[in-house]
Amino acid sequence: MEQVIEFIGNHVFLVAAWVLTLAMLLWNESRRAGKAVTPAIATQMINKEDAVILDIRPKKEWDTGRITGARHIPMAELERRIDELNKYKEKPIIVVCNLGQTAGAATKKLKAAGFTNVMRLSGGMTEWKGQSLPVVK
């Protein structure tokens, strides 16, 4: 531990540059992935704002359980089938994947297609199920 403190003391500018680079990387990644909402906020948005749930998981995962009323367009088919979502452009769209990681790429594609109110479910279906929220098969 003493060596770490000594290193920081001797290389203040190097450490500061590293911390700044790390912060910029994390900020950039969070922006690219889009806004994330928790399952609790997603539930409120579904009930109060008529938010649309877009499940981008493969069919095999979709069949294990999904959020009630979710629309299913697998990530591999999203670009080809994005026109199916045009009627929801004015509504909030919450993108759901298994762990919350793939949804960032899908939100980016939706924003590029002109959707403005797009976000991802943080933790994905794993977090949704972990909080014992309703799932239909």
C-alpha atoms as a PDB file:
ATOM      1  CA  MET A   1       0.000   0.000   0.000  1.00  0.00           C
ATOM      2  CA  GLU A   2       2.872   2.350   0.788  1.00  0.00           C
ATOM      3  CA  GLN A   3       4.246   1.794  -2.699  1.00  0.00           C
ATOM      4  CA  VAL A   4       0.931   2.801  -4.281  1.00  0.00           C
ATOM      5  CA  ILE A   5       0.818   6.014  -2.267  1.00  0.00           C
ATOM      6  CA  GLU A   6       4.455   6.720  -3.104  1.00  0.00           C
ATOM      7  CA  PHE A   7       3.771   6.093  -6.815  1.00  0.00           C
ATOM      8  CA  ILE A   8       0.793   8.460  -6.765  1.00  0.00           C
ATOM      9  CA  GLY A   9       2.867  11.107  -4.987  1.00  0.00           C
ATOM     10  CA  ASN A  10       5.709  10.795  -7.495  1.00  0.00           C
ATOM     11  CA  HIS A  11       3.479  10.632 -10.587  1.00  0.00           C
ATOM     12  CA  VAL A  12       0.589  12.988  -9.871  1.00  0.00           C
ATOM     13  CA  PHE A  13       0.098  14.052 -13.495  1.00  0.00           C
ATOM     14  CA  LEU A  14       0.255  10.483 -14.783  1.00  0.00           C
ATOM     15  CA  VAL A  15      -2.343   9.320 -12.248  1.00  0.00           C
ATOM     16  CA  ALA A  16      -4.539  12.343 -12.969  1.00  0.00           C
ATOM     17  CA  ALA A  17      -4.377  11.612 -16.714  1.00  0.00           C
ATOM     18  CA  TRP A  18      -5.319   7.983 -16.071  1.00  0.00           C
ATOM     19  CA  VAL A  19      -8.286   8.928 -13.869  1.00  0.00           C
ATOM     20  CA  LEU A  20      -9.481  11.484 -16.431  1.00  0.00           C
ATOM     21  CA  THR A  21      -9.182   8.955 -19.263  1.00  0.00           C
ATOM     22  CA  LEU A  22     -11.112   6.350 -17.280  1.00  0.00           C
ATOM     23  CA  ALA A  23     -13.854   8.860 -16.428  1.00  0.00           C
ATOM     24  CA  MET A  24     -14.185   9.910 -20.070  1.00  0.00           C
ATOM     25  CA  LEU A  25     -14.355   6.285 -21.196  1.00  0.00           C
ATOM     26  CA  LEU A  26     -17.099   5.466 -18.685  1.00  0.00           C
ATOM     27  CA  TRP A  27     -19.041   8.615 -19.598  1.00  0.00           C
ATOM     28  CA  ASN A  28     -18.790   7.836 -23.313  1.00  0.00           C
ATOM     29  CA  GLU A  29     -19.909   4.240 -22.849  1.00  0.00           C
ATOM     30  CA  SER A  30     -22.900   5.271 -20.747  1.00  0.00           C
ATOM     31  CA  ARG A  31     -23.969   7.792 -23.413  1.00  0.00           C
ATOM     32  CA  ARG A  32     -23.619   5.280 -26.235  1.00  0.00           C
ATOM     33  CA  ALA A  33     -25.673   2.709 -24.405  1.00  0.00           C
ATOM     34  CA  GLY A  34     -28.463   5.192 -23.799  1.00  0.00           C
ATOM     35  CA  LYS A  35     -30.419   6.037 -20.719  1.00  0.00           C
ATOM     36  CA  ALA A  36     -31.050   3.116 -18.394  1.00  0.00           C
ATOM     37  CA  VAL A  37     -34.141   2.634 -16.252  1.00  0.00           C
ATOM     38  CA  THR A  38     -34.586   0.315 -13.304  1.00  0.00           C
ATOM     39  CA  PRO A  39     -37.329  -2.307 -13.277  1.00  0.00           C
ATOM     40  CA  ALA A  40     -39.295  -0.154 -10.817  1.00  0.00           C
ATOM     41  CA  ILE A  41     -39.160   2.894 -13.084  1.00  0.00           C
ATOM     42  CA  ALA A  42     -39.954   0.726 -16.116  1.00  0.00           C
ATOM     43  CA  THR A  43     -43.066  -0.562 -14.327  1.00  0.00           C
ATOM     44  CA  GLN A  44     -44.191   2.999 -13.612  1.00  0.00           C
ATOM     45  CA  MET A  45     -43.590   3.987 -17.231  1.00  0.00           C
ATOM     46  CA  ILE A  46     -45.574   0.990 -18.487  1.00  0.00           C
ATOM     47  CA  ASN A  47     -48.504   1.825 -16.198  1.00  0.00           C
ATOM     48  CA  LYS A  48     -48.531   5.631 -16.424  1.00  0.00           C
ATOM     49  CA  GLU A  49     -46.975   6.485 -19.796  1.00  0.00           C
ATOM     50  CA  ASP A  50     -48.013   3.435 -21.813  1.00  0.00           C
ATOM     51  CA  ALA A  51     -44.349   2.619 -22.490  1.00  0.00           C
ATOM     52  CA  VAL A  52     -43.584  -0.062 -25.056  1.00  0.00           C
ATOM     53  CA  ILE A  53     -41.362  -2.968 -24.045  1.00  0.00           C
ATOM     54  CA  LEU A  54     -39.145  -4.205 -26.868  1.00  0.00           C
ATOM     55  CA  ASP A  55     -37.562  -7.568 -26.082  1.00  0.00           C
ATOM     56  CA  ILE A  56     -34.527  -8.179 -28.305  1.00  0.00           C
ATOM     57  CA  ARG A  57     -33.514 -11.561 -26.895  1.00  0.00           C
ATOM     58  CA  PRO A  58     -33.353 -14.614 -29.156  1.00  0.00           C
ATOM     59  CA  LYS A  59     -36.551 -16.692 -29.424  1.00  0.00           C
ATOM     60  CA  LYS A  60     -35.141 -19.396 -27.157  1.00  0.00           C
ATOM     61  CA  GLU A  61     -34.703 -16.882 -24.311  1.00  0.00           C
ATOM     62  CA  TRP A  62     -38.021 -15.158 -25.141  1.00  0.00           C
ATOM     63  CA  ASP A  63     -39.807 -18.498 -24.684  1.00  0.00           C
ATOM     64  CA  THR A  64     -38.433 -18.863 -21.130  1.00  0.00           C
ATOM     65  CA  GLY A  65     -40.451 -15.832 -20.009  1.00  0.00           C
ATOM     66  CA  ARG A  66     -41.109 -12.226 -20.943  1.00  0.00           C
ATOM     67  CA  ILE A  67     -42.620  -9.036 -19.604  1.00  0.00           C
ATOM     68  CA  THR A  68     -46.373  -8.888 -20.140  1.00  0.00           C
ATOM     69  CA  GLY A  69     -47.229  -7.068 -23.363  1.00  0.00           C
ATOM     70  CA  ALA A  70     -43.650  -6.994 -24.680  1.00  0.00           C
ATOM     71  CA  ARG A  71     -43.019  -6.915 -28.402  1.00  0.00           C
ATOM     72  CA  HIS A  72     -40.411  -9.389 -29.660  1.00  0.00           C
ATOM     73  CA  ILE A  73     -37.888  -8.443 -32.309  1.00  0.00           C
ATOM     74  CA  PRO A  74     -34.604 -10.332 -31.889  1.00  0.00           C
ATOM     75  CA  MET A  75     -31.494  -8.158 -32.104  1.00  0.00           C
ATOM     76  CA  ALA A  76     -30.378 -10.021 -35.236  1.00  0.00           C
ATOM     77  CA  GLU A  77     -33.589  -8.901 -36.994  1.00  0.00           C
ATOM     78  CA  LEU A  78     -33.914  -5.380 -35.567  1.00  0.00           C
ATOM     79  CA  GLU A  79     -32.591  -3.414 -38.543  1.00  0.00           C
ATOM     80  CA  ARG A  80     -34.787  -5.352 -40.974  1.00  0.00           C
ATOM     81  CA  ARG A  81     -37.942  -5.118 -38.818  1.00  0.00           C
ATOM     82  CA  ILE A  82     -37.528  -1.637 -37.314  1.00  0.00           C
ATOM     83  CA  ASP A  83     -40.470  -0.313 -39.382  1.00  0.00           C
ATOM     84  CA  GLU A  84     -42.808  -2.431 -37.230  1.00  0.00           C
ATOM     85  CA  LEU A  85     -42.125   0.025 -34.411  1.00  0.00           C
ATOM     86  CA  ASN A  86     -42.957   3.226 -36.310  1.00  0.00           C
ATOM     87  CA  LYS A  87     -46.414   3.411 -34.730  1.00  0.00           C
ATOM     88  CA  TYR A  88     -44.687   3.701 -31.321  1.00  0.00           C
ATOM     89  CA  LYS A  89     -42.347   6.597 -32.208  1.00  0.00           C
ATOM     90  CA  GLU A  90     -44.187   8.986 -29.880  1.00  0.00           C
ATOM     91  CA  LYS A  91     -44.216   6.572 -26.926  1.00  0.00           C
ATOM     92  CA  PRO A  92     -41.362   5.688 -24.601  1.00  0.00           C
ATOM     93  CA  ILE A  93     -39.645   2.470 -25.691  1.00  0.00           C
ATOM     94  CA  ILE A  94     -37.803   0.334 -23.154  1.00  0.00           C
ATOM     95  CA  VAL A  95     -35.401  -2.138 -24.741  1.00  0.00           C
ATOM     96  CA  VAL A  96     -34.906  -5.401 -22.868  1.00  0.00           C
ATOM     97  CA  CYS A  97     -32.178  -8.017 -23.297  1.00  0.00           C
ATOM     98  CA  ASN A  98     -30.964 -10.728 -20.954  1.00  0.00           C
ATOM     99  CA  LEU A  99     -28.411  -8.793 -18.857  1.00  0.00           C
ATOM    100  CA  GLY A 100     -28.854  -5.203 -20.027  1.00  0.00           C
ATOM    101  CA  GLN A 101     -25.740  -5.102 -22.201  1.00  0.00           C
ATOM    102  CA  THR A 102     -27.019  -5.793 -25.723  1.00  0.00           C
ATOM    103  CA  ALA A 103     -29.864  -3.328 -25.265  1.00  0.00           C
ATOM    104  CA  GLY A 104     -27.426  -0.412 -25.602  1.00  0.00           C
ATOM    105  CA  ALA A 105     -26.652  -1.309 -29.212  1.00  0.00           C
ATOM    106  CA  ALA A 106     -30.366  -1.641 -29.951  1.00  0.00           C
ATOM    107  CA  THR A 107     -31.155   1.780 -28.456  1.00  0.00           C
ATOM    108  CA  LYS A 108     -28.435   3.272 -30.648  1.00  0.00           C
ATOM    109  CA  LYS A 109     -30.034   1.721 -33.764  1.00  0.00           C
ATOM    110  CA  LEU A 110     -33.471   2.974 -32.742  1.00  0.00           C
ATOM    111  CA  LYS A 111     -32.176   6.506 -32.161  1.00  0.00           C
ATOM    112  CA  ALA A 112     -30.499   6.449 -35.569  1.00  0.00           C
ATOM    113  CA  ALA A 113     -33.890   5.493 -37.051  1.00  0.00           C
ATOM    114  CA  GLY A 114     -35.540   8.564 -35.516  1.00  0.00           C
ATOM    115  CA  PHE A 115     -36.878   7.239 -32.224  1.00  0.00           C
ATOM    116  CA  THR A 116     -36.278   9.841 -29.539  1.00  0.00           C
ATOM    117  CA  ASN A 117     -37.628   8.405 -26.285  1.00  0.00           C
ATOM    118  CA  VAL A 118     -35.651   5.156 -26.098  1.00  0.00           C
ATOM    119  CA  MET A 119     -34.028   3.636 -23.024  1.00  0.00           C
ATOM    120  CA  ARG A 120     -32.770   0.262 -21.847  1.00  0.00           C
ATOM    121  CA  LEU A 121     -33.758  -1.836 -18.865  1.00  0.00           C
ATOM    122  CA  SER A 122     -30.794  -1.918 -16.515  1.00  0.00           C
ATOM    123  CA  GLY A 123     -29.952  -5.494 -15.586  1.00  0.00           C
ATOM    124  CA  GLY A 124     -32.259  -6.801 -18.305  1.00  0.00           C
ATOM    125  CA  MET A 125     -34.592  -9.732 -17.731  1.00  0.00           C
ATOM    126  CA  THR A 126     -32.188 -11.141 -15.165  1.00  0.00           C
ATOM    127  CA  GLU A 127     -32.807  -8.130 -12.913  1.00  0.00           C
ATOM    128  CA  TRP A 128     -36.545  -8.140 -13.702  1.00  0.00           C
ATOM    129  CA  LYS A 129     -36.861 -11.782 -12.629  1.00  0.00           C
ATOM    130  CA  GLY A 130     -34.508 -11.194  -9.688  1.00  0.00           C
ATOM    131  CA  GLN A 131     -36.965  -8.650  -8.305  1.00  0.00           C
ATOM    132  CA  SER A 132     -39.799 -11.193  -8.675  1.00  0.00           C
ATOM    133  CA  LEU A 133     -41.689  -9.034 -11.151  1.00  0.00           C
ATOM    134  CA  PRO A 134     -44.354 -10.735 -13.314  1.00  0.00           C
ATOM    135  CA  VAL A 135     -43.242 -12.822 -16.273  1.00  0.00           C
ATOM    136  CA  VAL A 136     -45.454 -14.623 -18.805  1.00  0.00           C
ATOM    137  CA  LYS A 137     -44.549 -17.626 -20.943  1.00  0.00           C
END
